[in-house]
Amino acid sequence: MDTTQVRHRLGRFGVWIAPMTLARTPVTVQREQFARIEGLGYGSLWTGEPPPSSPASGREIFAQLAVMLAATRRLVAGAGVANITVRDPVAAHGGAATLAEAYPGRLVLGLGGHTGERPLSTLHAYLDGMDRAAARDDELAGARYPRVLAALGPRAHRLAGERAHGAHPFMQPVEHTEAARRTLGPDRLLIPHQMLVLDPDAARARGRIRALISLGGDGDNPYTANYRRLGYGDADLAGGRSDRLIDALLAWGEDEAVAARLRAHLAAGADHVLLHPLTGDLPSAVDQLERLAPRLTTAG
């Protein structure tokens, strides 16, 4: 499946649900809510996989993707991302190829998660391992699936353009989408993630993302390094982050204001934008997706 086919299958908007939310949601409830998401017209459904060191919990990514795919008829299931520190590349290819064979055209595999020394070299070697596994896997030779990388900076974007179908940036402002598109060029997929809160109260809305940021601790990491690259300074990155940075990362307010932020990613060059409602449970997240869906059906 080439990028044009993937774009067509995805449509303009999809959904990203936090692994912590899915970890505490029984699978029977998940099935009901995934069917609701499909019925609202969204083109994809994604979740991630925390690293072993994370305080957040999550289900094994390929098992979770299988639940998503089995509960729906047409939704594309996305790994955003399958953490490369959790399994070797042979296992990653085997899991993805099996799902791609069972559900043709309905899987996008996002890869990333290594934050130690030489993360891009590590990811490059991991992709080499997946490619070797695919080359010798005669039984699953026809099970093709697109790959995207959790790319933040220009070097990572170039790697995504060379070794994958595109990039899946996480928790980045609209200006990052524009910069990523310039580096990726027109032919690669760009699938940004956008957190949102349907609440016009600034303190409550900003408080939701600040609570998440506090889980990650302070100090430099790939996200803060990239925010500096985009022009945010020490005052923006201190403590719970400045209102300026929070407002760039979080779409909050009345329904139309949030929908406008989502459309802004499309205008900046995104192919497909993932909505991540910051709510306490999965049904509440889908309630917010239901409110937004009518405002997004004409976009793009």
Protein backbone atom coordinates (compact mmCIF):
# COMPACT_ATOMS: atom_id res chain seq x y z
CA MET A 1 0.00 0.00 0.00
CA ASP A 2 1.58 3.30 -1.08
CA THR A 3 1.19 6.62 0.73
CA THR A 4 -1.61 7.78 -1.57
CA GLN A 5 -3.66 4.71 -0.68
CA VAL A 6 -2.92 5.14 3.03
CA ARG A 7 -3.99 8.80 2.91
CA HIS A 8 -7.25 7.83 1.25
CA ARG A 9 -7.92 5.11 3.80
CA LEU A 10 -7.16 7.33 6.79
CA GLY A 11 -9.16 10.39 5.79
CA ARG A 12 -8.51 13.66 7.61
CA PHE A 13 -9.12 12.89 11.28
CA GLY A 14 -8.49 9.98 13.63
CA VAL A 15 -8.38 9.29 17.36
CA TRP A 16 -5.55 8.70 19.85
CA ILE A 17 -6.41 7.15 23.23
CA ALA A 18 -3.88 7.05 26.05
CA PRO A 19 -2.58 3.59 27.00
CA MET A 20 -3.38 4.31 30.67
CA THR A 21 -7.02 4.86 29.72
CA LEU A 22 -7.21 1.59 27.83
CA ALA A 23 -5.35 -0.30 30.57
CA ARG A 24 -8.10 0.50 33.06
CA THR A 25 -10.99 -0.02 30.60
CA PRO A 26 -12.39 -3.57 30.37
CA VAL A 27 -12.18 -5.02 26.88
CA THR A 28 -15.97 -5.39 26.73
CA VAL A 29 -16.31 -1.62 27.22
CA GLN A 30 -13.50 -0.97 24.74
CA ARG A 31 -15.36 -2.88 22.04
CA GLU A 32 -18.50 -0.79 22.53
CA GLN A 33 -16.61 2.51 22.47
CA PHE A 34 -14.45 1.59 19.47
CA ALA A 35 -17.64 0.86 17.52
CA ARG A 36 -18.95 4.30 18.56
CA ILE A 37 -15.77 5.95 17.26
CA GLU A 38 -16.13 4.19 13.93
CA GLY A 39 -19.77 5.24 13.70
CA LEU A 40 -18.79 8.89 14.18
CA GLY A 41 -16.78 8.83 10.96
CA TYR A 42 -13.20 8.98 12.24
CA GLY A 43 -10.73 7.18 10.00
CA SER A 44 -8.34 5.68 12.52
CA LEU A 45 -7.84 4.69 16.14
CA TRP A 46 -4.41 4.80 17.78
CA THR A 47 -2.78 4.15 21.13
CA GLY A 48 0.75 3.94 22.44
CA GLU A 49 2.94 1.70 24.56
CA PRO A 50 4.87 3.09 27.54
CA PRO A 51 8.48 2.02 28.08
CA PRO A 52 9.18 -0.34 31.01
CA SER A 53 10.54 2.56 33.08
CA SER A 54 7.37 4.65 32.73
CA PRO A 55 5.06 5.18 35.73
CA ALA A 56 2.16 4.81 33.28
CA SER A 57 0.67 1.40 32.62
CA GLY A 58 -0.46 0.01 29.29
CA ARG A 59 -1.46 -3.13 27.47
CA GLU A 60 0.83 -4.94 25.01
CA ILE A 61 0.47 -2.94 21.81
CA PHE A 62 -0.16 -5.71 19.27
CA ALA A 63 -2.76 -7.37 21.49
CA GLN A 64 -4.47 -3.99 21.91
CA LEU A 65 -4.42 -3.32 18.17
CA ALA A 66 -6.02 -6.72 17.61
CA VAL A 67 -8.89 -5.76 19.92
CA MET A 68 -9.37 -2.48 18.01
CA LEU A 69 -9.39 -4.20 14.63
CA ALA A 70 -11.73 -7.00 15.69
CA ALA A 71 -14.22 -4.54 17.22
CA THR A 72 -14.54 -2.46 14.04
CA ARG A 73 -15.09 -2.99 10.32
CA ARG A 74 -13.10 -0.32 8.52
CA LEU A 75 -11.09 1.73 11.06
CA VAL A 76 -7.34 1.80 10.59
CA ALA A 77 -5.57 0.83 13.82
CA GLY A 78 -2.37 2.73 14.57
CA ALA A 79 0.50 2.09 16.95
CA GLY A 80 1.58 5.46 18.23
CA VAL A 81 4.04 4.03 19.07
CA ALA A 82 5.18 0.43 19.47
CA ASN A 83 8.12 0.93 21.80
CA ILE A 84 11.34 -0.47 20.36
CA THR A 85 12.76 -1.09 23.84
CA VAL A 86 10.03 -3.65 24.60
CA ARG A 87 10.59 -6.26 21.85
CA ASP A 88 13.20 -7.15 19.25
CA PRO A 89 12.67 -6.21 15.59
CA VAL A 90 11.85 -9.77 14.53
CA ALA A 91 8.95 -9.88 17.01
CA ALA A 92 7.78 -6.42 15.92
CA HIS A 93 7.67 -7.44 12.27
CA GLY A 94 5.94 -10.71 13.10
CA GLY A 95 3.24 -9.00 15.11
CA ALA A 96 2.62 -6.30 12.52
CA ALA A 97 2.67 -8.68 9.57
CA THR A 98 0.18 -11.01 11.26
CA LEU A 99 -2.29 -8.19 11.86
CA ALA A 100 -1.73 -6.85 8.34
CA GLU A 101 -2.55 -10.27 6.91
CA ALA A 102 -5.68 -10.62 9.05
CA TYR A 103 -6.89 -7.05 8.39
CA PRO A 104 -5.51 -5.90 5.02
CA GLY A 105 -5.01 -2.16 4.69
CA ARG A 106 -6.03 -1.45 8.28
CA LEU A 107 -2.74 -1.19 10.17
CA VAL A 108 -0.18 1.60 10.52
CA LEU A 109 2.85 0.73 12.64
CA GLY A 110 4.46 3.62 14.50
CA LEU A 111 7.89 3.01 16.01
CA GLY A 112 9.94 4.90 18.55
CA GLY A 113 10.51 5.20 22.26
CA HIS A 114 14.29 4.91 22.66
CA THR A 115 15.56 7.96 24.57
CA GLY A 116 19.05 6.83 25.55
CA GLU A 117 22.31 7.47 23.75
CA ARG A 118 22.22 7.72 19.94
CA PRO A 119 18.44 7.25 19.62
CA LEU A 120 18.40 7.69 15.84
CA SER A 121 21.20 5.18 15.32
CA THR A 122 19.34 2.73 17.53
CA LEU A 123 16.12 3.25 15.57
CA HIS A 124 18.00 2.92 12.27
CA ALA A 125 19.43 -0.44 13.39
CA TYR A 126 16.00 -1.57 14.57
CA LEU A 127 14.52 -0.80 11.14
CA ASP A 128 17.37 -2.79 9.56
CA GLY A 129 16.41 -5.73 11.75
CA MET A 130 12.75 -5.49 10.75
CA ASP A 131 13.70 -5.32 7.08
CA ARG A 132 15.89 -8.44 7.39
CA ALA A 133 13.04 -10.27 9.12
CA ALA A 134 10.61 -9.24 6.38
CA ALA A 135 13.02 -10.31 3.62
CA ARG A 136 13.31 -13.86 4.92
CA ASP A 137 9.67 -14.27 6.00
CA ASP A 138 8.24 -16.17 3.02
CA GLU A 139 5.01 -17.08 4.80
CA LEU A 140 4.11 -13.42 5.46
CA ALA A 141 5.76 -11.92 2.39
CA GLY A 142 2.48 -10.45 1.16
CA ALA A 143 1.50 -8.89 4.49
CA ARG A 144 2.52 -5.27 3.94
CA TYR A 145 1.99 -2.45 6.40
CA PRO A 146 3.09 1.21 6.42
CA ARG A 147 5.59 2.36 9.02
CA VAL A 148 5.82 5.82 10.57
CA LEU A 149 8.39 7.07 13.07
CA ALA A 150 7.97 9.12 16.25
CA ALA A 151 10.03 11.94 14.76
CA LEU A 152 10.50 15.33 16.41
CA GLY A 153 13.62 17.01 15.02
CA PRO A 154 14.90 17.51 11.45
CA ARG A 155 17.29 14.53 11.58
CA ALA A 156 14.47 12.26 12.73
CA HIS A 157 12.23 13.64 9.98
CA ARG A 158 14.89 12.83 7.40
CA LEU A 159 15.14 9.28 8.76
CA ALA A 160 11.35 8.97 8.56
CA GLY A 161 11.47 10.12 4.96
CA GLU A 162 14.20 7.67 4.04
CA ARG A 163 13.22 4.55 6.00
CA ALA A 164 9.47 4.83 6.61
CA HIS A 165 6.24 6.07 5.08
CA GLY A 166 6.34 9.19 7.22
CA ALA A 167 6.25 10.68 10.72
CA HIS A 168 3.92 10.60 13.72
CA PRO A 169 4.88 13.55 15.98
CA PHE A 170 3.50 13.51 19.51
CA MET A 171 2.47 16.53 21.64
CA GLN A 172 3.73 19.21 19.25
CA PRO A 173 2.31 22.63 18.24
CA VAL A 174 1.07 23.56 14.79
CA GLU A 175 4.37 25.25 13.91
CA HIS A 176 6.06 21.86 14.30
CA THR A 177 3.67 20.37 11.74
CA GLU A 178 4.71 23.06 9.27
CA ALA A 179 8.42 22.45 9.92
CA ALA A 180 8.02 18.68 9.66
CA ARG A 181 6.26 18.96 6.32
CA ARG A 182 9.10 21.08 4.93
CA THR A 183 11.66 18.45 5.88
CA LEU A 184 9.60 15.39 4.92
CA GLY A 185 8.58 16.77 1.54
CA PRO A 186 5.18 16.23 -0.08
CA ASP A 187 5.31 12.46 -0.53
CA ARG A 188 5.56 11.21 3.04
CA LEU A 189 2.77 10.84 5.60
CA LEU A 190 2.54 13.36 8.42
CA ILE A 191 0.22 12.28 11.24
CA PRO A 192 0.41 14.63 14.26
CA HIS A 193 -1.24 14.04 17.63
CA GLN A 194 -3.32 16.84 19.21
CA MET A 195 -4.44 16.87 22.84
CA LEU A 196 -7.74 18.61 23.47
CA VAL A 197 -10.11 19.65 26.24
CA LEU A 198 -13.62 20.89 25.50
CA ASP A 199 -13.72 23.39 28.33
CA PRO A 200 -13.66 27.22 28.10
CA ASP A 201 -12.18 27.55 31.59
CA ALA A 202 -8.47 28.24 31.07
CA ALA A 203 -7.29 27.08 34.50
CA ARG A 204 -9.15 23.77 34.32
CA ALA A 205 -8.12 23.06 30.74
CA ARG A 206 -4.45 23.91 31.26
CA GLY A 207 -4.44 21.97 34.51
CA ARG A 208 -5.22 18.74 32.67
CA ILE A 209 -2.10 18.86 30.51
CA ARG A 210 0.06 20.14 33.38
CA ALA A 211 -0.92 17.06 35.39
CA LEU A 212 0.34 14.87 32.54
CA ILE A 213 3.56 16.82 32.16
CA SER A 214 4.28 16.40 35.87
CA LEU A 215 4.28 12.62 35.43
CA GLY A 216 7.24 12.93 33.09
CA GLY A 217 9.33 14.89 35.56
CA ASP A 218 11.48 17.94 34.95
CA GLY A 219 14.71 18.26 33.02
CA ASP A 220 15.77 18.01 29.43
CA ASN A 221 14.31 15.32 27.20
CA PRO A 222 13.57 15.03 23.47
CA TYR A 223 10.37 17.05 23.88
CA THR A 224 11.93 20.00 25.70
CA ALA A 225 14.83 19.97 23.24
CA ASN A 226 12.38 20.22 20.38
CA TYR A 227 10.38 23.02 22.03
CA ARG A 228 13.63 24.96 22.31
CA ARG A 229 14.22 24.31 18.62
CA LEU A 230 10.83 25.87 17.92
CA GLY A 231 11.68 29.02 19.88
CA TYR A 232 10.45 28.30 23.42
CA GLY A 233 12.90 29.31 26.12
CA ASP A 234 13.71 28.68 29.77
CA ALA A 235 10.71 30.67 31.01
CA ASP A 236 8.39 28.52 28.90
CA LEU A 237 9.94 25.23 30.01
CA ALA A 238 10.22 25.90 33.75
CA GLY A 239 7.95 24.12 36.21
CA GLY A 240 4.53 23.33 34.80
CA ARG A 241 5.38 25.16 31.57
CA SER A 242 4.24 28.65 30.57
CA ASP A 243 0.70 29.39 29.46
CA ARG A 244 2.19 30.25 26.06
CA LEU A 245 3.61 26.75 25.60
CA ILE A 246 0.60 25.01 27.14
CA ASP A 247 -1.73 26.84 24.76
CA ALA A 248 0.44 25.83 21.82
CA LEU A 249 0.29 22.15 22.83
CA LEU A 250 -3.33 21.92 23.96
CA ALA A 251 -6.47 22.69 21.97
CA TRP A 252 -8.98 23.92 24.55
CA GLY A 253 -12.10 26.04 24.74
CA GLU A 254 -15.45 25.94 22.99
CA ASP A 255 -16.05 23.24 20.38
CA GLU A 256 -15.39 25.46 17.37
CA ALA A 257 -12.13 26.81 18.79
CA VAL A 258 -10.85 23.25 19.25
CA ALA A 259 -12.01 22.25 15.76
CA ALA A 260 -10.18 25.26 14.33
CA ARG A 261 -6.92 24.11 15.93
CA LEU A 262 -7.38 20.65 14.40
CA ARG A 263 -7.96 22.16 10.97
CA ALA A 264 -4.86 24.35 11.46
CA HIS A 265 -2.70 21.20 11.45
CA LEU A 266 -4.17 20.28 8.06
CA ALA A 267 -3.44 23.76 6.74
CA ALA A 268 0.16 23.42 8.02
CA GLY A 269 0.70 20.23 6.04
CA ALA A 270 -0.69 17.31 8.06
CA ASP A 271 -2.30 14.44 6.19
CA HIS A 272 -4.24 13.08 9.14
CA VAL A 273 -4.72 14.60 12.60
CA LEU A 274 -5.25 12.47 15.72
CA LEU A 275 -7.62 13.80 18.38
CA HIS A 276 -6.65 12.98 21.97
CA PRO A 277 -9.35 14.06 24.45
CA LEU A 278 -7.93 14.48 27.96
CA THR A 279 -10.71 12.87 29.97
CA GLY A 280 -10.87 10.49 32.89
CA ASP A 281 -12.28 7.49 31.06
CA LEU A 282 -12.89 6.10 27.58
CA PRO A 283 -16.67 6.75 27.32
CA SER A 284 -16.12 10.41 28.29
CA ALA A 285 -13.43 10.71 25.62
CA VAL A 286 -15.81 9.34 23.00
CA ASP A 287 -18.48 11.80 24.19
CA GLN A 288 -16.09 14.65 23.33
CA LEU A 289 -15.29 13.06 19.98
CA GLU A 290 -19.02 12.90 19.29
CA ARG A 291 -19.38 16.64 19.99
CA LEU A 292 -16.55 17.50 17.62
CA ALA A 293 -17.39 15.14 14.76
CA PRO A 294 -20.02 17.37 13.02
CA ARG A 295 -17.54 20.26 12.94
CA LEU A 296 -14.87 18.14 11.23
CA THR A 297 -16.86 16.36 8.52
CA THR A 298 -16.39 19.17 5.99
CA ALA A 299 -12.67 19.73 6.67
CA GLY A 300 -10.31 18.81 3.86
